[in-house]
Amino acid sequence: QVQLVESGGGLVQAGGSLRLSCRAPRAILSDFSASDMSWYRQSPGKEREFVATITSSRTTNYVDSVRGRFTISRDNSKRMVYLQMNSLKPEDTGVYYCFRPSRGYWGQGTQVTVSS
């Protein structure tokens, strides 16, 4: 059963922007609203790494390498989490995954490729 579905990845030139979306189609609204949600990424040849998180109270945190360029947000009524990525760099290339820690749910990932 698919618990999280990501979309919005693609190919973009350095300096460009992308907006990733994560949908939780099977989540109960109250349960989703109370859940922290995160984005991770896995670059070629590297381990999966934390990118950003947003708590149920909308507190956010980012890995240093994306702070000031990426913004995580959520729309609980739609069961959606977003990752706005600006000023993209080639080192941002990778597969981006949505993660719901309270349930241990991962999405299937969406590919982001930033060309120099």
C-alpha atoms as a PDB file:
ATOM      1  CA  GLN A   1       0.000   0.000   0.000  1.00  0.00           C
ATOM      2  CA  VAL A   2       1.390   3.345  -1.065  1.00  0.00           C
ATOM      3  CA  GLN A   3       1.598   5.678   1.903  1.00  0.00           C
ATOM      4  CA  LEU A   4       3.572   8.601   0.475  1.00  0.00           C
ATOM      5  CA  VAL A   5       3.776   9.803  -3.122  1.00  0.00           C
ATOM      6  CA  GLU A   6       6.374  12.309  -4.260  1.00  0.00           C
ATOM      7  CA  SER A   7       6.295  14.383  -7.434  1.00  0.00           C
ATOM      8  CA  GLY A   8       7.881  17.461  -8.949  1.00  0.00           C
ATOM      9  CA  GLY A   9      11.381  16.275  -9.698  1.00  0.00           C
ATOM     10  CA  GLY A  10      13.114  16.916 -12.988  1.00  0.00           C
ATOM     11  CA  LEU A  11      16.112  18.343 -14.789  1.00  0.00           C
ATOM     12  CA  VAL A  12      17.046  21.950 -14.114  1.00  0.00           C
ATOM     13  CA  GLN A  13      20.059  24.150 -14.706  1.00  0.00           C
ATOM     14  CA  ALA A  14      22.157  25.393 -11.836  1.00  0.00           C
ATOM     15  CA  GLY A  15      20.543  28.430 -10.268  1.00  0.00           C
ATOM     16  CA  GLY A  16      17.074  27.217 -11.136  1.00  0.00           C
ATOM     17  CA  SER A  17      14.175  26.165  -8.941  1.00  0.00           C
ATOM     18  CA  LEU A  18      11.961  23.149  -8.392  1.00  0.00           C
ATOM     19  CA  ARG A  19       9.062  22.464  -6.072  1.00  0.00           C
ATOM     20  CA  LEU A  20       8.674  18.937  -4.772  1.00  0.00           C
ATOM     21  CA  SER A  21       5.374  17.664  -3.447  1.00  0.00           C
ATOM     22  CA  CYS A  22       4.593  14.767  -1.140  1.00  0.00           C
ATOM     23  CA  ARG A  23       1.071  13.447  -0.759  1.00  0.00           C
ATOM     24  CA  ALA A  24      -0.188  11.094   1.938  1.00  0.00           C
ATOM     25  CA  PRO A  25      -3.317   9.710   0.277  1.00  0.00           C
ATOM     26  CA  ARG A  26      -4.180   7.170   2.936  1.00  0.00           C
ATOM     27  CA  ALA A  27      -3.484   9.280   6.009  1.00  0.00           C
ATOM     28  CA  ILE A  28      -6.192  10.146   8.486  1.00  0.00           C
ATOM     29  CA  LEU A  29      -6.313  13.938   8.600  1.00  0.00           C
ATOM     30  CA  SER A  30      -5.891  14.303  12.366  1.00  0.00           C
ATOM     31  CA  ASP A  31      -3.052  11.769  12.389  1.00  0.00           C
ATOM     32  CA  PHE A  32      -1.271  13.486   9.500  1.00  0.00           C
ATOM     33  CA  SER A  33      -1.654  16.917  11.100  1.00  0.00           C
ATOM     34  CA  ALA A  34       0.002  15.628  14.259  1.00  0.00           C
ATOM     35  CA  SER A  35       2.928  14.091  12.363  1.00  0.00           C
ATOM     36  CA  ASP A  36       6.338  15.531  11.715  1.00  0.00           C
ATOM     37  CA  MET A  37       7.299  15.211   8.054  1.00  0.00           C
ATOM     38  CA  SER A  38      10.741  15.190   6.476  1.00  0.00           C
ATOM     39  CA  TRP A  39      12.611  15.196   3.192  1.00  0.00           C
ATOM     40  CA  TYR A  40      15.740  13.151   2.598  1.00  0.00           C
ATOM     41  CA  ARG A  41      17.894  12.736  -0.476  1.00  0.00           C
ATOM     42  CA  GLN A  42      20.348  10.223  -1.825  1.00  0.00           C
ATOM     43  CA  SER A  43      23.021  11.394  -4.203  1.00  0.00           C
ATOM     44  CA  PRO A  44      24.928   9.003  -6.490  1.00  0.00           C
ATOM     45  CA  GLY A  45      27.449   7.004  -4.496  1.00  0.00           C
ATOM     46  CA  LYS A  46      26.345   8.455  -1.177  1.00  0.00           C
ATOM     47  CA  GLU A  47      24.132   7.416   1.700  1.00  0.00           C
ATOM     48  CA  ARG A  48      20.678   8.860   2.147  1.00  0.00           C
ATOM     49  CA  GLU A  49      20.880  12.135   4.050  1.00  0.00           C
ATOM     50  CA  PHE A  50      18.473  14.390   5.916  1.00  0.00           C
ATOM     51  CA  VAL A  51      17.434  17.553   4.064  1.00  0.00           C
ATOM     52  CA  ALA A  52      14.584  19.216   5.951  1.00  0.00           C
ATOM     53  CA  THR A  53      11.841  18.595   8.478  1.00  0.00           C
ATOM     54  CA  ILE A  54       8.639  20.309   9.560  1.00  0.00           C
ATOM     55  CA  THR A  55       6.929  19.509  12.821  1.00  0.00           C
ATOM     56  CA  SER A  56       3.228  19.405  13.563  1.00  0.00           C
ATOM     57  CA  SER A  57       3.562  22.938  14.940  1.00  0.00           C
ATOM     58  CA  ARG A  58       5.338  23.974  11.713  1.00  0.00           C
ATOM     59  CA  THR A  59       8.779  24.354  13.231  1.00  0.00           C
ATOM     60  CA  THR A  60      11.326  23.732  10.492  1.00  0.00           C
ATOM     61  CA  ASN A  61      14.921  22.579  10.382  1.00  0.00           C
ATOM     62  CA  TYR A  62      17.374  22.117   7.535  1.00  0.00           C
ATOM     63  CA  VAL A  63      20.723  20.603   6.789  1.00  0.00           C
ATOM     64  CA  ASP A  64      23.290  23.375   6.599  1.00  0.00           C
ATOM     65  CA  SER A  65      23.959  22.876   2.903  1.00  0.00           C
ATOM     66  CA  VAL A  66      20.398  23.862   1.916  1.00  0.00           C
ATOM     67  CA  ARG A  67      19.499  26.371   4.605  1.00  0.00           C
ATOM     68  CA  GLY A  68      18.475  29.663   3.017  1.00  0.00           C
ATOM     69  CA  ARG A  69      17.810  28.018  -0.357  1.00  0.00           C
ATOM     70  CA  PHE A  70      15.158  25.385   0.437  1.00  0.00           C
ATOM     71  CA  THR A  71      11.835  25.853   2.213  1.00  0.00           C
ATOM     72  CA  ILE A  72       9.682  23.057   3.611  1.00  0.00           C
ATOM     73  CA  SER A  73       5.980  23.657   4.141  1.00  0.00           C
ATOM     74  CA  ARG A  74       2.778  21.696   4.614  1.00  0.00           C
ATOM     75  CA  ASP A  75      -0.923  21.880   3.884  1.00  0.00           C
ATOM     76  CA  ASN A  76      -2.631  19.558   6.317  1.00  0.00           C
ATOM     77  CA  SER A  77      -6.049  19.918   4.711  1.00  0.00           C
ATOM     78  CA  LYS A  78      -4.603  18.380   1.542  1.00  0.00           C
ATOM     79  CA  ARG A  79      -2.294  15.965   3.370  1.00  0.00           C
ATOM     80  CA  MET A  80       0.598  17.527   1.468  1.00  0.00           C
ATOM     81  CA  VAL A  81       4.180  18.484   2.238  1.00  0.00           C
ATOM     82  CA  TYR A  82       6.272  20.622  -0.090  1.00  0.00           C
ATOM     83  CA  LEU A  83       9.936  21.367  -0.630  1.00  0.00           C
ATOM     84  CA  GLN A  84      10.629  24.583  -2.517  1.00  0.00           C
ATOM     85  CA  MET A  85      14.191  24.439  -3.822  1.00  0.00           C
ATOM     86  CA  ASN A  86      15.806  27.627  -5.104  1.00  0.00           C
ATOM     87  CA  SER A  87      19.324  28.445  -6.287  1.00  0.00           C
ATOM     88  CA  LEU A  88      19.885  24.807  -7.078  1.00  0.00           C
ATOM     89  CA  LYS A  89      23.431  23.489  -7.368  1.00  0.00           C
ATOM     90  CA  PRO A  90      24.786  20.397  -9.121  1.00  0.00           C
ATOM     91  CA  GLU A  91      25.500  18.889  -5.695  1.00  0.00           C
ATOM     92  CA  ASP A  92      21.755  18.953  -4.986  1.00  0.00           C
ATOM     93  CA  THR A  93      21.346  16.195  -7.581  1.00  0.00           C
ATOM     94  CA  GLY A  94      19.811  13.022  -6.213  1.00  0.00           C
ATOM     95  CA  VAL A  95      16.667  11.127  -5.462  1.00  0.00           C
ATOM     96  CA  TYR A  96      14.488  13.000  -2.975  1.00  0.00           C
ATOM     97  CA  TYR A  97      12.352  11.031  -0.551  1.00  0.00           C
ATOM     98  CA  CYS A  98       9.482  12.033   1.670  1.00  0.00           C
ATOM     99  CA  PHE A  99       9.503  10.460   5.144  1.00  0.00           C
ATOM    100  CA  ARG A 100       6.947  10.239   7.915  1.00  0.00           C
ATOM    101  CA  PRO A 101       8.960   9.303  11.020  1.00  0.00           C
ATOM    102  CA  SER A 102       6.052   8.425  13.313  1.00  0.00           C
ATOM    103  CA  ARG A 103       4.968   5.661  10.949  1.00  0.00           C
ATOM    104  CA  GLY A 104       8.287   4.818   9.338  1.00  0.00           C
ATOM    105  CA  TYR A 105       6.821   5.493   5.907  1.00  0.00           C
ATOM    106  CA  TRP A 106       9.002   6.356   2.908  1.00  0.00           C
ATOM    107  CA  GLY A 107       7.878   7.447  -0.517  1.00  0.00           C
ATOM    108  CA  GLN A 108       9.238   5.972  -3.727  1.00  0.00           C
ATOM    109  CA  GLY A 109      11.396   9.022  -4.418  1.00  0.00           C
ATOM    110  CA  THR A 110      11.586  11.624  -7.165  1.00  0.00           C
ATOM    111  CA  GLN A 111      14.722  12.341  -9.187  1.00  0.00           C
ATOM    112  CA  VAL A 112      16.245  15.818  -9.165  1.00  0.00           C
ATOM    113  CA  THR A 113      19.077  16.516 -11.582  1.00  0.00           C
ATOM    114  CA  VAL A 114      20.867  19.861 -11.598  1.00  0.00           C
ATOM    115  CA  SER A 115      23.142  20.507 -14.565  1.00  0.00           C
ATOM    116  CA  SER A 116      26.093  22.850 -14.399  1.00  0.00           C
END
